[in-house]
Amino acid sequence: MSDPSPDPTPRGTWAALFHQTADPVFLLNPRRRVRFVNRAFETVAKTTADAVVHEYCYARKLSKAVPAAVRALLQAMAPPKEAMRGQVTRVRRPAPPARFGPPWW
């Protein structure tokens, strides 16, 4: 007998991979706006997708209307200029709410 409730997660797509992975994943559009976060990211960041999806990730300039904890998270997620130019880069930032590491992301 088959399971009566099918899994709503698409199979065989990048979306399925992002939903099913145990690693935290977030996706930004070219304008640095958060498009997607998975459940593992929500767990690590201690926030919900609703709080960060559609927000902008900039290292410095963020709206004061965004709560301070979310603002710190978005600033930590901001990609460097090299990444925006398509270059491979690695960044180490303090994990919010810390302003100075460790712990590091």
N, C-alpha and C. Protein backbone atom coordinates (compact mmCIF):
# COMPACT_ATOMS: atom_id res chain seq x y z
N MET A 1 0.85 -1.18 0.00
CA MET A 1 0.00 0.00 0.00
C MET A 1 0.89 1.24 0.00
N SER A 2 0.63 2.17 -0.87
CA SER A 2 1.43 3.38 -0.96
C SER A 2 1.00 4.41 0.07
N ASP A 3 1.91 5.33 0.31
CA ASP A 3 1.63 6.41 1.26
C ASP A 3 0.57 7.33 0.67
N PRO A 4 -0.54 7.59 1.37
CA PRO A 4 -1.61 8.43 0.81
C PRO A 4 -1.24 9.91 0.71
N SER A 5 -0.24 10.37 1.47
CA SER A 5 0.13 11.78 1.41
C SER A 5 1.45 11.93 0.68
N PRO A 6 1.44 12.35 -0.58
CA PRO A 6 2.68 12.48 -1.34
C PRO A 6 3.55 13.61 -0.79
N ASP A 7 4.85 13.46 -0.95
CA ASP A 7 5.81 14.47 -0.54
C ASP A 7 5.69 15.67 -1.48
N PRO A 8 5.43 16.89 -0.95
CA PRO A 8 5.26 18.05 -1.83
C PRO A 8 6.57 18.57 -2.40
N THR A 9 7.72 18.08 -1.91
CA THR A 9 9.00 18.55 -2.38
C THR A 9 9.27 18.03 -3.79
N PRO A 10 9.60 18.92 -4.73
CA PRO A 10 9.89 18.46 -6.09
C PRO A 10 11.11 17.56 -6.10
N ARG A 11 11.08 16.53 -6.93
CA ARG A 11 12.19 15.58 -7.02
C ARG A 11 12.98 15.83 -8.30
N GLY A 12 14.30 15.62 -8.20
CA GLY A 12 15.13 15.73 -9.38
C GLY A 12 15.40 17.16 -9.81
N THR A 13 15.25 18.12 -8.92
CA THR A 13 15.50 19.52 -9.27
C THR A 13 16.45 20.12 -8.24
N TRP A 14 16.98 21.30 -8.55
CA TRP A 14 17.81 22.00 -7.58
C TRP A 14 17.00 22.34 -6.34
N ALA A 15 15.74 22.66 -6.50
CA ALA A 15 14.90 22.98 -5.35
C ALA A 15 14.82 21.80 -4.39
N ALA A 16 14.71 20.60 -4.94
CA ALA A 16 14.66 19.40 -4.09
C ALA A 16 15.97 19.24 -3.32
N LEU A 17 17.08 19.45 -4.00
CA LEU A 17 18.37 19.36 -3.34
C LEU A 17 18.48 20.34 -2.19
N PHE A 18 18.08 21.58 -2.42
CA PHE A 18 18.16 22.60 -1.38
C PHE A 18 17.22 22.31 -0.21
N HIS A 19 16.05 21.77 -0.49
CA HIS A 19 15.10 21.44 0.57
C HIS A 19 15.57 20.27 1.40
N GLN A 20 16.21 19.29 0.78
CA GLN A 20 16.54 18.05 1.46
C GLN A 20 17.90 18.04 2.14
N THR A 21 18.78 18.96 1.81
CA THR A 21 20.11 18.95 2.39
C THR A 21 20.08 19.32 3.87
N ALA A 22 21.00 18.74 4.62
CA ALA A 22 21.13 19.06 6.04
C ALA A 22 22.03 20.28 6.25
N ASP A 23 22.69 20.74 5.18
CA ASP A 23 23.55 21.92 5.25
C ASP A 23 22.73 23.18 5.11
N PRO A 24 23.08 24.24 5.84
CA PRO A 24 22.37 25.51 5.68
C PRO A 24 22.63 26.10 4.30
N VAL A 25 21.57 26.51 3.61
CA VAL A 25 21.68 27.07 2.27
C VAL A 25 20.83 28.34 2.19
N PHE A 26 21.40 29.38 1.59
CA PHE A 26 20.60 30.55 1.24
C PHE A 26 20.99 30.98 -0.16
N LEU A 27 20.02 31.53 -0.89
CA LEU A 27 20.24 31.98 -2.26
C LEU A 27 19.91 33.46 -2.35
N LEU A 28 20.76 34.18 -3.07
CA LEU A 28 20.54 35.61 -3.30
C LEU A 28 20.35 35.84 -4.79
N ASN A 29 19.57 36.86 -5.13
CA ASN A 29 19.47 37.23 -6.53
C ASN A 29 20.63 38.19 -6.86
N PRO A 30 20.81 38.60 -8.11
CA PRO A 30 21.93 39.47 -8.47
C PRO A 30 21.94 40.82 -7.75
N ARG A 31 20.81 41.23 -7.23
CA ARG A 31 20.76 42.50 -6.48
C ARG A 31 20.95 42.29 -4.99
N ARG A 32 21.37 41.09 -4.58
CA ARG A 32 21.66 40.73 -3.19
C ARG A 32 20.42 40.60 -2.32
N ARG A 33 19.31 40.32 -2.94
CA ARG A 33 18.07 40.11 -2.18
C ARG A 33 17.94 38.61 -1.90
N VAL A 34 17.58 38.25 -0.67
CA VAL A 34 17.43 36.85 -0.29
C VAL A 34 16.22 36.27 -1.01
N ARG A 35 16.45 35.17 -1.74
CA ARG A 35 15.38 34.51 -2.49
C ARG A 35 14.90 33.24 -1.80
N PHE A 36 15.80 32.58 -1.05
CA PHE A 36 15.46 31.28 -0.47
C PHE A 36 16.38 30.98 0.70
N VAL A 37 15.83 30.39 1.75
CA VAL A 37 16.61 29.78 2.84
C VAL A 37 15.98 28.43 3.14
N ASN A 38 16.80 27.45 3.48
CA ASN A 38 16.23 26.14 3.80
C ASN A 38 16.06 26.00 5.32
N ARG A 39 15.50 24.88 5.74
CA ARG A 39 15.23 24.66 7.17
C ARG A 39 16.51 24.61 7.98
N ALA A 40 17.56 24.03 7.43
CA ALA A 40 18.83 23.98 8.14
C ALA A 40 19.36 25.39 8.40
N PHE A 41 19.19 26.28 7.44
CA PHE A 41 19.60 27.68 7.64
C PHE A 41 18.78 28.32 8.76
N GLU A 42 17.47 28.09 8.76
CA GLU A 42 16.61 28.64 9.80
C GLU A 42 17.06 28.16 11.19
N THR A 43 17.48 26.91 11.27
CA THR A 43 17.93 26.35 12.55
C THR A 43 19.23 27.01 13.00
N VAL A 44 20.20 27.10 12.10
CA VAL A 44 21.50 27.68 12.44
C VAL A 44 21.37 29.17 12.76
N ALA A 45 20.59 29.88 11.96
CA ALA A 45 20.45 31.33 12.12
C ALA A 45 19.46 31.71 13.22
N LYS A 46 18.71 30.74 13.70
CA LYS A 46 17.70 30.98 14.73
C LYS A 46 16.71 32.06 14.31
N THR A 47 16.26 31.95 13.06
CA THR A 47 15.27 32.88 12.52
C THR A 47 14.41 32.13 11.51
N THR A 48 13.32 32.74 11.11
CA THR A 48 12.44 32.10 10.13
C THR A 48 12.73 32.66 8.73
N ALA A 49 12.31 31.90 7.75
CA ALA A 49 12.47 32.35 6.36
C ALA A 49 11.70 33.64 6.14
N ASP A 50 10.53 33.77 6.75
CA ASP A 50 9.72 34.99 6.57
C ASP A 50 10.46 36.25 7.01
N ALA A 51 11.37 36.12 7.98
CA ALA A 51 12.09 37.30 8.49
C ALA A 51 13.17 37.78 7.53
N VAL A 52 13.72 36.88 6.69
CA VAL A 52 14.84 37.27 5.84
C VAL A 52 14.58 37.24 4.34
N VAL A 53 13.64 36.41 3.89
CA VAL A 53 13.37 36.34 2.45
C VAL A 53 12.84 37.68 1.97
N HIS A 54 13.34 38.15 0.85
CA HIS A 54 13.03 39.43 0.21
C HIS A 54 13.77 40.61 0.84
N GLU A 55 14.64 40.36 1.80
CA GLU A 55 15.46 41.43 2.37
C GLU A 55 16.78 41.51 1.61
N TYR A 56 17.45 42.66 1.67
CA TYR A 56 18.72 42.87 0.98
C TYR A 56 19.89 42.57 1.91
N CYS A 57 20.96 42.02 1.36
CA CYS A 57 22.17 41.70 2.11
C CYS A 57 23.28 42.65 1.69
N TYR A 58 23.54 43.64 2.48
CA TYR A 58 24.64 44.56 2.27
C TYR A 58 25.48 44.58 3.53
N ALA A 59 26.79 44.74 3.35
CA ALA A 59 27.69 44.71 4.50
C ALA A 59 27.49 45.89 5.44
N ARG A 60 27.03 47.03 4.91
CA ARG A 60 26.91 48.20 5.78
C ARG A 60 25.52 48.83 5.80
N LYS A 61 24.98 49.16 4.66
CA LYS A 61 23.75 49.95 4.60
C LYS A 61 22.51 49.06 4.63
N LEU A 62 21.81 49.08 5.75
CA LEU A 62 20.55 48.35 5.85
C LEU A 62 19.52 49.23 6.53
N SER A 63 18.28 49.03 6.19
CA SER A 63 17.19 49.83 6.73
C SER A 63 17.07 49.67 8.23
N LYS A 64 16.87 50.77 8.92
CA LYS A 64 16.66 50.74 10.37
C LYS A 64 15.32 50.12 10.71
N ALA A 65 14.43 49.95 9.73
CA ALA A 65 13.13 49.33 9.97
C ALA A 65 13.28 47.82 10.22
N VAL A 66 14.40 47.24 9.78
CA VAL A 66 14.67 45.82 9.99
C VAL A 66 15.18 45.64 11.42
N PRO A 67 14.65 44.67 12.17
CA PRO A 67 15.13 44.45 13.55
C PRO A 67 16.65 44.24 13.59
N ALA A 68 17.28 44.66 14.68
CA ALA A 68 18.74 44.62 14.79
C ALA A 68 19.30 43.21 14.61
N ALA A 69 18.67 42.18 15.15
CA ALA A 69 19.17 40.82 15.02
C ALA A 69 19.14 40.35 13.56
N VAL A 70 18.07 40.68 12.86
CA VAL A 70 17.95 40.31 11.44
C VAL A 70 18.94 41.12 10.61
N ARG A 71 19.12 42.38 10.96
CA ARG A 71 20.07 43.24 10.25
C ARG A 71 21.49 42.68 10.36
N ALA A 72 21.88 42.22 11.55
CA ALA A 72 23.21 41.63 11.74
C ALA A 72 23.36 40.36 10.92
N LEU A 73 22.31 39.56 10.86
CA LEU A 73 22.34 38.34 10.06
C LEU A 73 22.49 38.67 8.57
N LEU A 74 21.73 39.62 8.08
CA LEU A 74 21.81 40.01 6.66
C LEU A 74 23.18 40.57 6.31
N GLN A 75 23.78 41.31 7.23
CA GLN A 75 25.12 41.84 6.99
C GLN A 75 26.15 40.72 6.94
N ALA A 76 25.99 39.69 7.77
CA ALA A 76 26.90 38.55 7.74
C ALA A 76 26.75 37.75 6.45
N MET A 77 25.56 37.74 5.86
CA MET A 77 25.28 37.01 4.63
C MET A 77 25.72 37.77 3.38
N ALA A 78 26.06 39.03 3.50
CA ALA A 78 26.37 39.86 2.32
C ALA A 78 27.59 39.33 1.57
N PRO A 79 27.45 39.12 0.27
CA PRO A 79 28.59 38.64 -0.52
C PRO A 79 29.59 39.77 -0.78
N PRO A 80 30.88 39.44 -0.87
CA PRO A 80 31.87 40.47 -1.20
C PRO A 80 31.79 40.86 -2.67
N LYS A 81 32.44 41.94 -3.02
CA LYS A 81 32.41 42.45 -4.40
C LYS A 81 32.94 41.42 -5.40
N GLU A 82 33.94 40.64 -4.99
CA GLU A 82 34.52 39.64 -5.90
C GLU A 82 33.47 38.60 -6.30
N ALA A 83 32.68 38.18 -5.35
CA ALA A 83 31.62 37.20 -5.64
C ALA A 83 30.58 37.78 -6.59
N MET A 84 30.26 39.05 -6.43
CA MET A 84 29.29 39.69 -7.30
C MET A 84 29.83 39.85 -8.73
N ARG A 85 31.16 39.83 -8.87
CA ARG A 85 31.78 39.89 -10.21
C ARG A 85 31.97 38.49 -10.79
N GLY A 86 31.52 37.45 -10.07
CA GLY A 86 31.61 36.09 -10.57
C GLY A 86 32.89 35.36 -10.21
N GLN A 87 33.71 35.95 -9.35
CA GLN A 87 34.95 35.32 -8.94
C GLN A 87 34.71 34.43 -7.71
N VAL A 88 35.53 33.42 -7.57
CA VAL A 88 35.47 32.56 -6.39
C VAL A 88 36.18 33.27 -5.25
N THR A 89 35.54 33.28 -4.10
CA THR A 89 36.12 33.95 -2.95
C THR A 89 35.70 33.24 -1.68
N ARG A 90 36.39 33.51 -0.60
CA ARG A 90 36.05 32.94 0.69
C ARG A 90 36.05 34.07 1.71
N VAL A 91 35.03 34.09 2.55
CA VAL A 91 34.87 35.15 3.53
C VAL A 91 34.65 34.52 4.90
N ARG A 92 35.24 35.10 5.91
CA ARG A 92 35.01 34.65 7.28
C ARG A 92 34.44 35.83 8.05
N ARG A 93 33.25 35.62 8.63
CA ARG A 93 32.57 36.69 9.36
C ARG A 93 32.13 36.19 10.72
N PRO A 94 32.01 37.07 11.71
CA PRO A 94 31.52 36.63 13.01
C PRO A 94 30.06 36.22 12.92
N ALA A 95 29.71 35.14 13.58
CA ALA A 95 28.32 34.67 13.59
C ALA A 95 27.49 35.59 14.47
N PRO A 96 26.37 36.11 13.95
CA PRO A 96 25.51 36.97 14.75
C PRO A 96 25.00 36.22 15.97
N PRO A 97 24.82 36.87 17.08
CA PRO A 97 24.86 38.31 17.31
C PRO A 97 26.24 38.86 17.63
N ALA A 98 27.30 38.04 17.60
CA ALA A 98 28.64 38.52 17.89
C ALA A 98 29.08 39.56 16.86
N ARG A 99 29.75 40.61 17.34
CA ARG A 99 30.29 41.60 16.41
C ARG A 99 31.71 41.26 16.02
N PHE A 100 32.38 40.51 16.90
CA PHE A 100 33.75 40.06 16.65
C PHE A 100 33.78 38.56 16.92
N GLY A 101 34.52 37.79 16.11
CA GLY A 101 34.56 36.35 16.29
C GLY A 101 35.50 35.95 17.39
N PRO A 102 35.58 34.71 17.76
CA PRO A 102 34.74 33.61 17.31
C PRO A 102 33.38 33.63 18.01
N PRO A 103 32.43 32.86 17.60
CA PRO A 103 32.47 31.90 16.50
C PRO A 103 32.41 32.60 15.16
N TRP A 104 32.91 31.89 14.17
CA TRP A 104 32.98 32.42 12.81
C TRP A 104 32.03 31.66 11.89
N TRP A 105 31.56 32.34 10.89
CA TRP A 105 30.84 31.72 9.77
C TRP A 105 31.74 31.83 8.57
